[in-house]
PDB file of N, CA and C in Angstrom:
ATOM      1  N   MET A   1      26.318  39.829  93.400  1.00  0.00           N
ATOM      2  CA  MET A   1      27.061  39.913  92.208  1.00  0.00           C
ATOM      3  C   MET A   1      26.617  39.125  91.491  1.00  0.00           C
ATOM      4  N   ASN A   2      26.480  40.155  90.132  1.00  0.00           N
ATOM      5  CA  ASN A   2      26.061  39.267  88.674  1.00  0.00           C
ATOM      6  C   ASN A   2      27.568  38.842  88.078  1.00  0.00           C
ATOM      7  N   LEU A   3      26.851  38.665  86.912  1.00  0.00           N
ATOM      8  CA  LEU A   3      28.412  37.325  85.755  1.00  0.00           C
ATOM      9  C   LEU A   3      29.670  38.369  85.542  1.00  0.00           C
ATOM     10  N   SER A   4      28.707  39.794  85.275  1.00  0.00           N
ATOM     11  CA  SER A   4      29.882  40.665  84.407  1.00  0.00           C
ATOM     12  C   SER A   4      31.425  41.179  85.695  1.00  0.00           C
ATOM     13  N   ASN A   5      30.499  40.998  87.040  1.00  0.00           N
ATOM     14  CA  ASN A   5      31.608  40.801  87.929  1.00  0.00           C
ATOM     15  C   ASN A   5      32.515  39.799  88.236  1.00  0.00           C
ATOM     16  N   THR A   6      32.007  38.709  88.265  1.00  0.00           N
ATOM     17  CA  THR A   6      32.595  37.476  88.755  1.00  0.00           C
ATOM     18  C   THR A   6      33.602  36.962  87.662  1.00  0.00           C
ATOM     19  N   LEU A   7      32.923  37.466  86.292  1.00  0.00           N
ATOM     20  CA  LEU A   7      33.945  36.915  85.227  1.00  0.00           C
ATOM     21  C   LEU A   7      35.572  38.488  85.676  1.00  0.00           C
ATOM     22  N   PHE A   8      34.904  39.248  85.669  1.00  0.00           N
ATOM     23  CA  PHE A   8      36.094  40.378  86.024  1.00  0.00           C
ATOM     24  C   PHE A   8      36.940  40.296  87.021  1.00  0.00           C
ATOM     25  N   TYR A   9      36.855  39.458  88.287  1.00  0.00           N
ATOM     26  CA  TYR A   9      37.202  38.726  89.136  1.00  0.00           C
ATOM     27  C   TYR A   9      38.322  37.674  88.963  1.00  0.00           C
ATOM     28  N   LEU A  10      37.482  36.684  88.023  1.00  0.00           N
ATOM     29  CA  LEU A  10      38.124  35.405  87.376  1.00  0.00           C
ATOM     30  C   LEU A  10      39.745  36.024  86.760  1.00  0.00           C
ATOM     31  N   THR A  11      39.004  36.335  86.102  1.00  0.00           N
ATOM     32  CA  THR A  11      39.917  37.228  84.610  1.00  0.00           C
ATOM     33  C   THR A  11      41.492  37.722  85.940  1.00  0.00           C
ATOM     34  N   ALA A  12      41.192  38.481  86.629  1.00  0.00           N
ATOM     35  CA  ALA A  12      41.696  39.671  87.282  1.00  0.00           C
ATOM     36  C   ALA A  12      43.277  38.450  88.064  1.00  0.00           C
ATOM     37  N   GLN A  13      41.927  37.737  88.957  1.00  0.00           N
ATOM     38  CA  GLN A  13      42.910  36.617  89.702  1.00  0.00           C
ATOM     39  C   GLN A  13      43.691  35.588  88.536  1.00  0.00           C
ATOM     40  N   ALA A  14      43.054  35.031  87.498  1.00  0.00           N
ATOM     41  CA  ALA A  14      43.809  34.272  87.028  1.00  0.00           C
ATOM     42  C   ALA A  14      45.320  34.812  85.977  1.00  0.00           C
ATOM     43  N   GLU A  15      45.185  36.452  86.138  1.00  0.00           N
ATOM     44  CA  GLU A  15      46.766  36.976  84.973  1.00  0.00           C
ATOM     45  C   GLU A  15      47.284  37.255  86.838  1.00  0.00           C
ATOM     46  N   GLY A  16      47.180  36.887  87.472  1.00  0.00           N
ATOM     47  CA  GLY A  16      47.691  36.810  88.707  1.00  0.00           C
ATOM     48  C   GLY A  16      48.763  35.789  88.936  1.00  0.00           C
ATOM     49  N   GLN A  17      48.666  34.682  88.371  1.00  0.00           N
ATOM     50  CA  GLN A  17      48.784  33.558  88.762  1.00  0.00           C
ATOM     51  C   GLN A  17      50.113  33.396  87.903  1.00  0.00           C
ATOM     52  N   ALA A  18      51.175  32.569  88.534  1.00  0.00           N
ATOM     53  CA  ALA A  18      51.880  31.945  87.320  1.00  0.00           C
ATOM     54  C   ALA A  18      51.526  30.811  86.345  1.00  0.00           C
ATOM     55  N   PRO A  19      52.138  30.295  85.648  1.00  0.00           N
ATOM     56  CA  PRO A  19      51.858  29.666  84.539  1.00  0.00           C
ATOM     57  C   PRO A  19      52.364  27.858  85.658  1.00  0.00           C
ATOM     58  N   ALA A  20      51.484  27.406  85.156  1.00  0.00           N
ATOM     59  CA  ALA A  20      52.026  25.782  86.370  1.00  0.00           C
ATOM     60  C   ALA A  20      52.778  24.714  85.287  1.00  0.00           C
ATOM     61  N   GLY A  21      53.653  24.427  85.578  1.00  0.00           N
ATOM     62  CA  GLY A  21      54.900  23.302  84.644  1.00  0.00           C
ATOM     63  C   GLY A  21      55.833  24.286  83.805  1.00  0.00           C
ATOM     64  N   GLY A  22      56.942  24.072  83.388  1.00  0.00           N
ATOM     65  CA  GLY A  22      56.920  24.671  82.212  1.00  0.00           C
ATOM     66  C   GLY A  22      57.151  24.626  81.243  1.00  0.00           C
ATOM     67  N   GLY A  23      57.263  25.265  80.329  1.00  0.00           N
ATOM     68  CA  GLY A  23      56.928  25.152  78.563  1.00  0.00           C
ATOM     69  C   GLY A  23      57.519  23.977  77.837  1.00  0.00           C
ATOM     70  N   LEU A  24      58.800  23.730  77.997  1.00  0.00           N
ATOM     71  CA  LEU A  24      59.669  22.510  78.104  1.00  0.00           C
ATOM     72  C   LEU A  24      59.164  21.383  78.284  1.00  0.00           C
ATOM     73  N   GLY A  25      58.580  20.982  79.198  1.00  0.00           N
ATOM     74  CA  GLY A  25      57.944  19.741  80.294  1.00  0.00           C
ATOM     75  C   GLY A  25      56.513  19.499  79.331  1.00  0.00           C
ATOM     76  N   SER A  26      56.230  20.515  79.125  1.00  0.00           N
ATOM     77  CA  SER A  26      54.702  19.947  78.754  1.00  0.00           C
ATOM     78  C   SER A  26      55.075  19.778  77.223  1.00  0.00           C
ATOM     79  N   PHE A  27      56.074  20.019  76.564  1.00  0.00           N
ATOM     80  CA  PHE A  27      56.690  19.204  75.213  1.00  0.00           C
ATOM     81  C   PHE A  27      57.397  18.207  74.785  1.00  0.00           C
ATOM     82  N   MET A  28      57.523  17.565  76.085  1.00  0.00           N
ATOM     83  CA  MET A  28      58.833  16.313  75.776  1.00  0.00           C
ATOM     84  C   MET A  28      57.914  15.129  75.160  1.00  0.00           C
ATOM     85  N   PRO A  29      56.585  14.735  75.818  1.00  0.00           N
ATOM     86  CA  PRO A  29      55.962  13.859  75.306  1.00  0.00           C
ATOM     87  C   PRO A  29      55.904  13.768  74.224  1.00  0.00           C
ATOM     88  N   LEU A  30      55.429  14.636  73.228  1.00  0.00           N
ATOM     89  CA  LEU A  30      55.068  15.048  72.370  1.00  0.00           C
ATOM     90  C   LEU A  30      56.714  15.072  71.060  1.00  0.00           C
ATOM     91  N   ILE A  31      57.465  15.283  71.666  1.00  0.00           N
ATOM     92  CA  ILE A  31      59.127  14.955  71.071  1.00  0.00           C
ATOM     93  C   ILE A  31      59.223  13.673  71.324  1.00  0.00           C
ATOM     94  N   LEU A  32      59.137  12.998  72.352  1.00  0.00           N
ATOM     95  CA  LEU A  32      59.309  11.589  72.487  1.00  0.00           C
ATOM     96  C   LEU A  32      58.778  10.624  71.793  1.00  0.00           C
ATOM     97  N   ILE A  33      57.304  11.029  71.490  1.00  0.00           N
ATOM     98  CA  ILE A  33      56.719  10.300  70.068  1.00  0.00           C
ATOM     99  C   ILE A  33      56.987  10.329  68.837  1.00  0.00           C
ATOM    100  N   PHE A  34      57.009  11.786  68.313  1.00  0.00           N
ATOM    101  CA  PHE A  34      57.980  12.078  66.803  1.00  0.00           C
ATOM    102  C   PHE A  34      58.918  11.160  66.806  1.00  0.00           C
ATOM    103  N   VAL A  35      59.698  11.416  67.892  1.00  0.00           N
ATOM    104  CA  VAL A  35      61.086  10.565  67.894  1.00  0.00           C
ATOM    105  C   VAL A  35      61.098   9.283  67.502  1.00  0.00           C
ATOM    106  N   ILE A  36      60.447   8.283  68.302  1.00  0.00           N
ATOM    107  CA  ILE A  36      59.596   7.344  68.546  1.00  0.00           C
ATOM    108  C   ILE A  36      59.573   6.680  66.851  1.00  0.00           C
ATOM    109  N   PHE A  37      58.125   7.691  66.081  1.00  0.00           N
ATOM    110  CA  PHE A  37      57.338   7.440  65.282  1.00  0.00           C
ATOM    111  C   PHE A  37      58.428   7.569  64.118  1.00  0.00           C
ATOM    112  N   TYR A  38      59.598   8.609  63.761  1.00  0.00           N
ATOM    113  CA  TYR A  38      60.300   8.465  62.958  1.00  0.00           C
ATOM    114  C   TYR A  38      61.456   7.259  62.675  1.00  0.00           C
ATOM    115  N   PHE A  39      61.942   7.039  64.004  1.00  0.00           N
ATOM    116  CA  PHE A  39      62.915   5.716  63.977  1.00  0.00           C
ATOM    117  C   PHE A  39      62.111   4.195  63.470  1.00  0.00           C
ATOM    118  N   LEU A  40      60.655   4.863  63.880  1.00  0.00           N
ATOM    119  CA  LEU A  40      59.833   3.152  64.256  1.00  0.00           C
ATOM    120  C   LEU A  40      59.173   2.929  62.069  1.00  0.00           C
ATOM    121  N   LEU A  41      58.757   4.533  61.846  1.00  0.00           N
ATOM    122  CA  LEU A  41      57.608   4.186  60.883  1.00  0.00           C
ATOM    123  C   LEU A  41      58.357   5.520  59.712  1.00  0.00           C
ATOM    124  N   ILE A  42      59.033   5.999  59.955  1.00  0.00           N
ATOM    125  CA  ILE A  42      59.002   7.232  59.117  1.00  0.00           C
ATOM    126  C   ILE A  42      60.693   6.807  58.067  1.00  0.00           C
ATOM    127  N   ARG A  43      61.823   6.245  58.722  1.00  0.00           N
ATOM    128  CA  ARG A  43      62.845   6.187  58.771  1.00  0.00           C
ATOM    129  C   ARG A  43      62.727   4.639  57.385  1.00  0.00           C
ATOM    130  N   PRO A  44      62.226   3.450  58.187  1.00  0.00           N
ATOM    131  CA  PRO A  44      62.532   2.593  57.738  1.00  0.00           C
ATOM    132  C   PRO A  44      61.646   2.408  56.082  1.00  0.00           C
ATOM    133  N   GLN A  45      60.079   3.186  56.116  1.00  0.00           N
ATOM    134  CA  GLN A  45      59.465   3.364  54.540  1.00  0.00           C
ATOM    135  C   GLN A  45      60.782   4.486  53.731  1.00  0.00           C
ATOM    136  N   LYS A  46      61.493   5.402  54.433  1.00  0.00           N
ATOM    137  CA  LYS A  46      62.445   5.979  53.636  1.00  0.00           C
ATOM    138  C   LYS A  46      63.414   5.214  52.847  1.00  0.00           C
ATOM    139  N   GLN A  47      64.324   4.372  53.586  1.00  0.00           N
ATOM    140  CA  GLN A  47      64.794   2.962  53.096  1.00  0.00           C
ATOM    141  C   GLN A  47      64.271   2.128  52.093  1.00  0.00           C
ATOM    142  N   LYS A  48      62.837   1.455  52.461  1.00  0.00           N
ATOM    143  CA  LYS A  48      62.202   0.333  51.862  1.00  0.00           C
ATOM    144  C   LYS A  48      61.577   1.614  50.088  1.00  0.00           C
ATOM    145  N   GLN A  49      61.239   2.980  49.892  1.00  0.00           N
ATOM    146  CA  GLN A  49      60.840   3.418  48.701  1.00  0.00           C
ATOM    147  C   GLN A  49      62.289   3.771  47.961  1.00  0.00           C
ATOM    148  N   LYS A  50      63.742   3.707  48.473  1.00  0.00           N
ATOM    149  CA  LYS A  50      64.967   4.397  48.071  1.00  0.00           C
ATOM    150  C   LYS A  50      65.235   3.054  47.265  1.00  0.00           C
ATOM    151  N   LYS A  51      65.651   2.263  48.058  1.00  0.00           N
ATOM    152  CA  LYS A  51      66.325   0.346  47.682  1.00  0.00           C
ATOM    153  C   LYS A  51      65.596   0.461  46.478  1.00  0.00           C
ATOM    154  N   LEU A  52      63.684   0.732  46.234  1.00  0.00           N
ATOM    155  CA  LEU A  52      62.565   0.247  45.145  1.00  0.00           C
ATOM    156  C   LEU A  52      63.118   1.136  43.868  1.00  0.00           C
ATOM    157  N   GLN A  53      63.558   2.456  44.648  1.00  0.00           N
ATOM    158  CA  GLN A  53      63.782   3.458  43.263  1.00  0.00           C
ATOM    159  C   GLN A  53      65.229   2.706  42.572  1.00  0.00           C
ATOM    160  N   LEU A  54      66.198   2.557  43.512  1.00  0.00           N
ATOM    161  CA  LEU A  54      67.702   2.027  42.862  1.00  0.00           C
ATOM    162  C   LEU A  54      67.425   0.747  41.832  1.00  0.00           C
ATOM    163  N   GLN A  55      66.170  -0.121  42.154  1.00  0.00           N
ATOM    164  CA  GLN A  55      65.335  -1.638  41.429  1.00  0.00           C
ATOM    165  C   GLN A  55      65.496  -1.164  40.124  1.00  0.00           C
ATOM    166  N   ILE A  56      64.211  -0.031  40.173  1.00  0.00           N
ATOM    167  CA  ILE A  56      62.996   0.915  38.965  1.00  0.00           C
ATOM    168  C   ILE A  56      64.205   1.498  38.072  1.00  0.00           C
ATOM    169  N   ASP A  57      65.149   2.047  39.011  1.00  0.00           N
ATOM    170  CA  ASP A  57      66.279   2.416  37.571  1.00  0.00           C
ATOM    171  C   ASP A  57      67.219   1.560  37.237  1.00  0.00           C
ATOM    172  N   ALA A  58      67.568   0.234  37.798  1.00  0.00           N
ATOM    173  CA  ALA A  58      68.233  -0.694  37.052  1.00  0.00           C
ATOM    174  C   ALA A  58      67.646  -2.212  36.035  1.00  0.00           C
ATOM    175  N   ILE A  59      66.066  -1.915  36.026  1.00  0.00           N
ATOM    176  CA  ILE A  59      65.434  -2.557  34.961  1.00  0.00           C
ATOM    177  C   ILE A  59      65.744  -3.245  33.923  1.00  0.00           C
ATOM    178  N   LYS A  60      65.561  -4.234  34.164  1.00  0.00           N
ATOM    179  CA  LYS A  60      66.348  -4.764  32.818  1.00  0.00           C
ATOM    180  C   LYS A  60      65.697  -5.829  31.734  1.00  0.00           C
ATOM    181  N   ILE A  61      65.934  -5.969  30.654  1.00  0.00           N
ATOM    182  CA  ILE A  61      64.585  -6.450  29.774  1.00  0.00           C
ATOM    183  C   ILE A  61      65.030  -8.031  30.097  1.00  0.00           C
ATOM    184  N   GLY A  62      63.951  -8.540  30.239  1.00  0.00           N
ATOM    185  CA  GLY A  62      63.975  -9.995  31.111  1.00  0.00           C
ATOM    186  C   GLY A  62      63.584  -9.994  32.028  1.00  0.00           C
ATOM    187  N   ASP A  63      63.730  -9.168  32.932  1.00  0.00           N
ATOM    188  CA  ASP A  63      63.483  -8.637  33.984  1.00  0.00           C
ATOM    189  C   ASP A  63      61.972  -9.343  34.692  1.00  0.00           C
ATOM    190  N   LYS A  64      61.118 -10.300  35.607  1.00  0.00           N
ATOM    191  CA  LYS A  64      59.713 -10.077  35.918  1.00  0.00           C
ATOM    192  C   LYS A  64      59.572  -8.946  36.925  1.00  0.00           C
ATOM    193  N   VAL A  65      58.261  -8.137  36.451  1.00  0.00           N
ATOM    194  CA  VAL A  65      58.186  -7.003  37.217  1.00  0.00           C
ATOM    195  C   VAL A  65      56.477  -7.340  38.217  1.00  0.00           C
ATOM    196  N   ILE A  66      56.383  -6.361  39.220  1.00  0.00           N
ATOM    197  CA  ILE A  66      54.721  -6.464  39.311  1.00  0.00           C
ATOM    198  C   ILE A  66      54.311  -5.254  39.437  1.00  0.00           C
ATOM    199  N   THR A  67      53.581  -4.575  38.852  1.00  0.00           N
ATOM    200  CA  THR A  67      52.938  -3.427  38.772  1.00  0.00           C
ATOM    201  C   THR A  67      52.030  -3.520  40.313  1.00  0.00           C
ATOM    202  N   ALA A  68      51.727  -2.049  40.669  1.00  0.00           N
ATOM    203  CA  ALA A  68      50.992  -1.547  41.588  1.00  0.00           C
ATOM    204  C   ALA A  68      49.770  -1.926  41.461  1.00  0.00           C
ATOM    205  N   GLY A  69      49.304  -2.163  39.956  1.00  0.00           N
ATOM    206  CA  GLY A  69      47.434  -2.841  39.975  1.00  0.00           C
ATOM    207  C   GLY A  69      47.749  -4.212  39.983  1.00  0.00           C
ATOM    208  N   GLY A  70      48.709  -5.015  40.598  1.00  0.00           N
ATOM    209  CA  GLY A  70      49.240  -6.516  40.617  1.00  0.00           C
ATOM    210  C   GLY A  70      49.247  -6.912  39.778  1.00  0.00           C
ATOM    211  N   ILE A  71      49.568  -6.737  37.966  1.00  0.00           N
ATOM    212  CA  ILE A  71      49.946  -7.299  36.999  1.00  0.00           C
ATOM    213  C   ILE A  71      51.415  -8.133  36.824  1.00  0.00           C
ATOM    214  N   HIS A  72      51.840  -8.754  36.300  1.00  0.00           N
ATOM    215  CA  HIS A  72      52.986  -9.411  36.702  1.00  0.00           C
ATOM    216  C   HIS A  72      53.019  -9.875  35.208  1.00  0.00           C
ATOM    217  N   GLY A  73      54.623  -9.570  35.131  1.00  0.00           N
ATOM    218  CA  GLY A  73      54.843  -9.572  33.627  1.00  0.00           C
ATOM    219  C   GLY A  73      56.394  -9.615  33.198  1.00  0.00           C
ATOM    220  N   LEU A  74      56.901  -9.794  31.870  1.00  0.00           N
ATOM    221  CA  LEU A  74      58.147  -9.647  31.815  1.00  0.00           C
ATOM    222  C   LEU A  74      58.609  -8.485  31.015  1.00  0.00           C
ATOM    223  N   VAL A  75      59.909  -8.080  31.353  1.00  0.00           N
ATOM    224  CA  VAL A  75      60.133  -6.428  30.292  1.00  0.00           C
ATOM    225  C   VAL A  75      61.024  -6.893  29.238  1.00  0.00           C
ATOM    226  N   THR A  76      60.070  -6.229  28.049  1.00  0.00           N
ATOM    227  CA  THR A  76      60.508  -6.143  26.077  1.00  0.00           C
ATOM    228  C   THR A  76      61.413  -4.608  26.222  1.00  0.00           C
ATOM    229  N   SER A  77      61.039  -3.852  27.188  1.00  0.00           N
ATOM    230  CA  SER A  77      61.632  -2.851  26.669  1.00  0.00           C
ATOM    231  C   SER A  77      61.849  -1.759  27.166  1.00  0.00           C
ATOM    232  N   VAL A  78      62.801  -1.240  27.670  1.00  0.00           N
ATOM    233  CA  VAL A  78      62.561  -0.114  28.715  1.00  0.00           C
ATOM    234  C   VAL A  78      63.496   1.428  28.179  1.00  0.00           C
ATOM    235  N   LYS A  79      62.074   2.304  28.631  1.00  0.00           N
ATOM    236  CA  LYS A  79      62.752   3.614  27.976  1.00  0.00           C
ATOM    237  C   LYS A  79      62.909   4.256  29.136  1.00  0.00           C
ATOM    238  N   LYS A  80      63.251   5.308  29.039  1.00  0.00           N
ATOM    239  CA  LYS A  80      63.547   6.575  29.931  1.00  0.00           C
ATOM    240  C   LYS A  80      62.154   6.628  31.007  1.00  0.00           C
ATOM    241  N   GLN A  81      61.028   6.744  30.696  1.00  0.00           N
ATOM    242  CA  GLN A  81      60.480   7.230  31.798  1.00  0.00           C
ATOM    243  C   GLN A  81      59.089   5.432  31.747  1.00  0.00           C
ATOM    244  N   SER A  82      59.554   4.841  30.882  1.00  0.00           N
ATOM    245  CA  SER A  82      58.458   3.481  31.169  1.00  0.00           C
ATOM    246  C   SER A  82      58.709   2.460  30.715  1.00  0.00           C
ATOM    247  N   VAL A  83      58.310   1.570  30.598  1.00  0.00           N
ATOM    248  CA  VAL A  83      59.199   0.326  30.682  1.00  0.00           C
ATOM    249  C   VAL A  83      57.983  -0.797  29.792  1.00  0.00           C
ATOM    250  N   SER A  84      57.681  -1.678  28.746  1.00  0.00           N
ATOM    251  CA  SER A  84      57.119  -2.528  28.339  1.00  0.00           C
ATOM    252  C   SER A  84      57.117  -3.888  28.517  1.00  0.00           C
ATOM    253  N   VAL A  85      56.060  -4.466  29.026  1.00  0.00           N
ATOM    254  CA  VAL A  85      55.814  -5.656  29.820  1.00  0.00           C
ATOM    255  C   VAL A  85      54.936  -6.467  29.123  1.00  0.00           C
ATOM    256  N   LYS A  86      55.488  -7.682  28.748  1.00  0.00           N
ATOM    257  CA  LYS A  86      54.432  -8.395  28.349  1.00  0.00           C
ATOM    258  C   LYS A  86      53.944  -9.285  29.009  1.00  0.00           C
ATOM    259  N   VAL A  87      52.598  -9.458  29.127  1.00  0.00           N
ATOM    260  CA  VAL A  87      51.506  -9.798  30.342  1.00  0.00           C
ATOM    261  C   VAL A  87      50.488 -11.165  29.871  1.00  0.00           C
ATOM    262  N   GLY A  88      51.328 -11.120  28.515  1.00  0.00           N
ATOM    263  CA  GLY A  88      51.042 -12.704  27.992  1.00  0.00           C
ATOM    264  C   GLY A  88      51.479 -13.345  26.590  1.00  0.00           C
ATOM    265  N   ASN A  89      50.499 -14.240  25.819  1.00  0.00           N
ATOM    266  CA  ASN A  89      50.709 -14.063  24.414  1.00  0.00           C
ATOM    267  C   ASN A  89      50.463 -13.297  23.653  1.00  0.00           C
ATOM    268  N   ASN A  90      51.872 -13.115  22.499  1.00  0.00           N
ATOM    269  CA  ASN A  90      51.584 -11.323  22.194  1.00  0.00           C
ATOM    270  C   ASN A  90      50.547 -10.271  22.512  1.00  0.00           C
ATOM    271  N   VAL A  91      50.512 -10.252  24.071  1.00  0.00           N
ATOM    272  CA  VAL A  91      50.013  -9.324  25.043  1.00  0.00           C
ATOM    273  C   VAL A  91      51.040  -7.556  25.563  1.00  0.00           C
ATOM    274  N   LYS A  92      51.132  -7.259  24.886  1.00  0.00           N
ATOM    275  CA  LYS A  92      52.551  -6.121  24.988  1.00  0.00           C
ATOM    276  C   LYS A  92      51.663  -5.042  26.124  1.00  0.00           C
ATOM    277  N   ILE A  93      51.835  -4.105  27.626  1.00  0.00           N
ATOM    278  CA  ILE A  93      51.608  -3.100  28.140  1.00  0.00           C
ATOM    279  C   ILE A  93      52.679  -1.897  28.452  1.00  0.00           C
ATOM    280  N   GLU A  94      52.820  -1.115  28.501  1.00  0.00           N
ATOM    281  CA  GLU A  94      53.411   0.014  28.453  1.00  0.00           C
ATOM    282  C   GLU A  94      53.300   0.534  29.728  1.00  0.00           C
ATOM    283  N   PHE A  95      54.359   0.415  30.851  1.00  0.00           N
ATOM    284  CA  PHE A  95      54.031   1.094  31.883  1.00  0.00           C
ATOM    285  C   PHE A  95      53.947   2.283  32.484  1.00  0.00           C
ATOM    286  N   GLU A  96      54.358   3.510  33.242  1.00  0.00           N
ATOM    287  CA  GLU A  96      55.176   4.002  33.786  1.00  0.00           C
ATOM    288  C   GLU A  96      55.910   3.522  34.918  1.00  0.00           C
ATOM    289  N   LYS A  97      57.786   3.700  34.930  1.00  0.00           N
ATOM    290  CA  LYS A  97      58.466   3.483  35.756  1.00  0.00           C
ATOM    291  C   LYS A  97      57.927   3.801  37.070  1.00  0.00           C
ATOM    292  N   GLY A  98      56.826   3.937  37.318  1.00  0.00           N
ATOM    293  CA  GLY A  98      56.481   4.788  38.858  1.00  0.00           C
ATOM    294  C   GLY A  98      55.292   3.585  39.267  1.00  0.00           C
ATOM    295  N   SER A  99      54.469   2.824  38.317  1.00  0.00           N
ATOM    296  CA  SER A  99      53.701   2.640  38.536  1.00  0.00           C
ATOM    297  C   SER A  99      54.602   0.747  39.007  1.00  0.00           C
ATOM    298  N   VAL A 100      55.682   0.304  38.236  1.00  0.00           N
ATOM    299  CA  VAL A 100      56.185  -0.970  38.847  1.00  0.00           C
ATOM    300  C   VAL A 100      56.647  -0.922  40.614  1.00  0.00           C
ATOM    301  N   ALA A 101      56.066  -1.841  41.189  1.00  0.00           N
ATOM    302  CA  ALA A 101      56.130  -2.036  42.577  1.00  0.00           C
ATOM    303  C   ALA A 101      57.056  -2.772  43.193  1.00  0.00           C
ATOM    304  N   THR A 102      57.346  -3.976  41.954  1.00  0.00           N
ATOM    305  CA  THR A 102      58.217  -5.022  42.604  1.00  0.00           C
ATOM    306  C   THR A 102      59.213  -5.572  41.767  1.00  0.00           C
ATOM    307  N   VAL A 103      60.307  -5.883  41.242  1.00  0.00           N
ATOM    308  CA  VAL A 103      61.032  -6.137  40.492  1.00  0.00           C
ATOM    309  C   VAL A 103      61.703  -7.468  40.699  1.00  0.00           C
ATOM    310  N   ILE A 104      61.723  -8.222  39.921  1.00  0.00           N
ATOM    311  CA  ILE A 104      62.592 -10.176  39.942  1.00  0.00           C
ATOM    312  C   ILE A 104      63.211  -9.824  39.001  1.00  0.00           C
ATOM    313  N   SER A 105      64.979  -9.308  39.235  1.00  0.00           N
ATOM    314  CA  SER A 105      65.365  -9.883  38.134  1.00  0.00           C
ATOM    315  C   SER A 105      65.944 -11.258  37.689  1.00  0.00           C
ATOM    316  N   LYS A 106      66.319 -11.024  36.637  1.00  0.00           N
ATOM    317  CA  LYS A 106      67.222 -12.622  36.305  1.00  0.00           C
ATOM    318  C   LYS A 106      67.892 -13.069  36.889  1.00  0.00           C
ATOM    319  N   ASN A 107      68.655 -12.697  37.623  1.00  0.00           N
ATOM    320  CA  ASN A 107      70.399 -12.718  38.602  1.00  0.00           C
ATOM    321  C   ASN A 107      69.319 -13.200  39.348  1.00  0.00           C
ATOM    322  N   SER A 108      68.810 -12.456  40.350  1.00  0.00           N
ATOM    323  CA  SER A 108      68.049 -12.893  41.327  1.00  0.00           C
ATOM    324  C   SER A 108      66.858 -14.629  41.425  1.00  0.00           C
ATOM    325  N   SER A 109      66.653 -14.388  40.745  1.00  0.00           N
ATOM    326  CA  SER A 109      65.714 -15.140  40.531  1.00  0.00           C
ATOM    327  C   SER A 109      66.483 -16.711  40.174  1.00  0.00           C
ATOM    328  N   ALA A 110      67.613 -16.569  39.465  1.00  0.00           N
ATOM    329  CA  ALA A 110      68.015 -18.202  39.530  1.00  0.00           C
ATOM    330  C   ALA A 110      68.792 -18.127  40.531  1.00  0.00           C
ATOM    331  N   GLU A 111      68.675 -17.322  41.396  1.00  0.00           N
ATOM    332  CA  GLU A 111      70.387 -17.563  42.452  1.00  0.00           C
ATOM    333  C   GLU A 111      69.192 -18.311  43.316  1.00  0.00           C
ATOM    334  N   SER A 112      67.828 -17.705  43.656  1.00  0.00           N
ATOM    335  CA  SER A 112      67.141 -18.037  44.406  1.00  0.00           C
ATOM    336  C   SER A 112      66.230 -19.127  43.972  1.00  0.00           C
ATOM    337  N   ALA A 113      66.201 -20.009  42.500  1.00  0.00           N
ATOM    338  CA  ALA A 113      65.447 -20.948  42.024  1.00  0.00           C
ATOM    339  C   ALA A 113      66.408 -22.333  42.551  1.00  0.00           C
ATOM    340  N   THR A 114      67.859 -21.826  42.089  1.00  0.00           N
ATOM    341  CA  THR A 114      68.718 -23.463  42.645  1.00  0.00           C
ATOM    342  C   THR A 114      69.156 -23.402  43.458  1.00  0.00           C
ATOM    343  N   PRO A 115      68.957 -24.702  44.451  1.00  0.00           N
ATOM    344  CA  PRO A 115      68.695 -25.079  45.833  1.00  0.00           C
ATOM    345  C   PRO A 115      70.241 -25.065  45.962  1.00  0.00           C
ATOM    346  N   ALA A 116      70.128 -24.808  46.906  1.00  0.00           N
ATOM    347  CA  ALA A 116      71.860 -24.599  47.270  1.00  0.00           C
ATOM    348  C   ALA A 116      72.244 -26.391  47.783  1.00  0.00           C
ATOM    349  N   PRO A 117      73.685 -26.791  47.580  1.00  0.00           N
ATOM    350  CA  PRO A 117      74.090 -28.081  47.513  1.00  0.00           C
ATOM    351  C   PRO A 117      74.765 -28.816  48.555  1.00  0.00           C
ATOM    352  N   ALA A 118      73.913 -29.899  48.999  1.00  0.00           N
ATOM    353  CA  ALA A 118      73.764 -30.659  50.504  1.00  0.00           C
ATOM    354  C   ALA A 118      75.371 -30.314  50.784  1.00  0.00           C
ATOM    355  N   PRO A 119      75.772 -30.415  52.320  1.00  0.00           N
ATOM    356  CA  PRO A 119      76.891 -30.645  52.517  1.00  0.00           C
ATOM    357  C   PRO A 119      76.837 -32.108  52.535  1.00  0.00           C
ATOM    358  N   ALA A 120      78.911 -32.195  52.591  1.00  0.00           N
ATOM    359  CA  ALA A 120      79.004 -33.800  52.507  1.00  0.00           C
ATOM    360  C   ALA A 120      79.061 -34.465  54.073  1.00  0.00           C
ATOM    361  N   PRO A 121      78.733 -35.793  53.791  1.00  0.00           N
ATOM    362  CA  PRO A 121      77.972 -36.226  55.077  1.00  0.00           C
ATOM    363  C   PRO A 121      79.906 -36.652  55.674  1.00  0.00           C
ATOM    364  N   ALA A 122      80.403 -36.253  56.980  1.00  0.00           N
ATOM    365  CA  ALA A 122      81.687 -36.197  57.860  1.00  0.00           C
ATOM    366  C   ALA A 122      81.638 -37.411  58.131  1.00  0.00           C
TER     367      ALA A 122
END
């Protein structure tokens, strides 16, 4: 028996057999992994991006910002697509709004800087 006869025999035998396992059963672990990744990674990241976009859209003069490059500064003017940030004495840099990584508004920093009053003794 030579190689071509052996291959012909194995191919004919394999065609006659039914596929092992169900089609949906083999995809269930893959689907389950995708669902877990969606709820643990993708959905929280989308919510975080949406929150940052709302903060960027609400930037006002006087807000403190941190850019994606790590530059800290105070917003001096806001345009449609960009913001001017004061980073030092007489140093202003204009950035695209998309490069802002964190916004610290005047209101939130004032609230967090003021300590809560101590409860009255009983």
